[in-house]
Protein backbone atom coordinates (compact mmCIF):
# COMPACT_ATOMS: atom_id res chain seq x y z
CA MET A 1 -21.86 -9.93 18.82
CA ASP A 2 -22.91 -6.43 19.75
CA GLU A 3 -25.37 -5.52 16.96
CA ASP A 4 -25.30 -1.79 17.72
CA ARG A 5 -21.50 -1.67 17.67
CA PHE A 6 -21.38 -3.78 14.51
CA ASN A 7 -23.87 -1.47 12.77
CA MET A 8 -21.90 1.59 13.83
CA GLU A 9 -18.61 0.11 12.57
CA VAL A 10 -20.13 -0.81 9.19
CA ARG A 11 -21.56 2.69 8.84
CA LYS A 12 -18.20 4.22 9.78
CA PHE A 13 -16.46 2.15 7.11
CA LEU A 14 -19.06 3.05 4.47
CA LYS A 15 -18.78 6.74 5.31
CA LYS A 16 -15.00 6.59 4.94
CA LEU A 17 -15.38 4.68 1.68
CA GLY A 18 -17.89 7.19 0.31
CA VAL A 19 -15.99 10.33 1.29
CA THR A 20 -12.65 8.98 0.08
CA SER A 21 -14.09 7.65 -3.18
CA GLN A 22 -15.88 10.90 -3.97
CA ARG A 23 -12.73 12.94 -3.39
CA GLU A 24 -10.56 10.64 -5.52
CA ILE A 25 -13.09 10.54 -8.38
CA GLU A 26 -13.57 14.31 -8.36
CA ASP A 27 -9.81 14.96 -8.34
CA ALA A 28 -9.16 12.50 -11.16
CA VAL A 29 -11.96 13.88 -13.34
CA ARG A 30 -10.86 17.48 -12.77
CA ARG A 31 -7.27 16.62 -13.72
CA ALA A 32 -8.47 14.81 -16.85
CA VAL A 33 -10.59 17.80 -17.89
CA GLU A 34 -7.72 20.23 -17.19
CA THR A 35 -5.27 18.20 -19.28
CA GLY A 36 -7.73 17.70 -22.10
CA ALA A 37 -8.04 13.96 -21.62
CA LEU A 38 -11.77 14.53 -21.06
CA ALA A 39 -13.95 17.19 -22.64
CA GLY A 40 -16.21 17.38 -19.59
CA ASN A 41 -19.38 16.16 -21.26
CA GLU A 42 -18.76 12.40 -21.11
CA THR A 43 -20.56 9.66 -19.25
CA LEU A 44 -17.99 7.58 -17.38
CA SER A 45 -18.41 3.96 -16.39
CA ALA A 46 -17.58 3.30 -12.76
CA LYS A 47 -17.08 0.13 -10.78
CA ALA A 48 -16.32 -0.47 -7.12
CA VAL A 49 -15.29 -3.81 -5.68
CA VAL A 50 -15.73 -4.34 -1.94
CA THR A 51 -14.20 -7.28 -0.15
CA VAL A 52 -14.48 -8.29 3.47
CA SER A 53 -11.99 -10.85 4.68
CA GLY A 54 -13.07 -13.40 7.22
CA VAL A 55 -16.53 -13.84 5.72
CA ASP A 56 -15.58 -14.56 2.11
CA LEU A 57 -17.49 -11.55 0.80
CA GLU A 58 -16.79 -9.76 -2.46
CA PHE A 59 -19.30 -7.75 -4.42
CA THR A 60 -19.22 -5.26 -7.24
CA VAL A 61 -21.26 -2.11 -7.73
CA ASP A 62 -21.43 -0.78 -11.29
CA GLY A 63 -22.68 2.62 -12.34
CA GLU A 64 -22.23 5.68 -14.45
CA ILE A 65 -21.02 9.18 -13.70
CA VAL A 66 -22.52 11.77 -16.03
CA LEU A 67 -20.33 14.87 -16.36
CA ASN A 68 -22.79 17.05 -18.24
């Protein structure tokens, strides 16, 4: 296995995951605030589940997103 290539591919995936996730979360929260579903001062629970096939990996990251 090429360790440098592997590291670069993992980083590329994580960057895509981060950028896409941020955009989706921001859009959803903005829509919810605009429609009145959220007031804009909540703390939202968040959870991400990452799976990698072929190595039987699944892990969860829990957190909070504070809006105000």
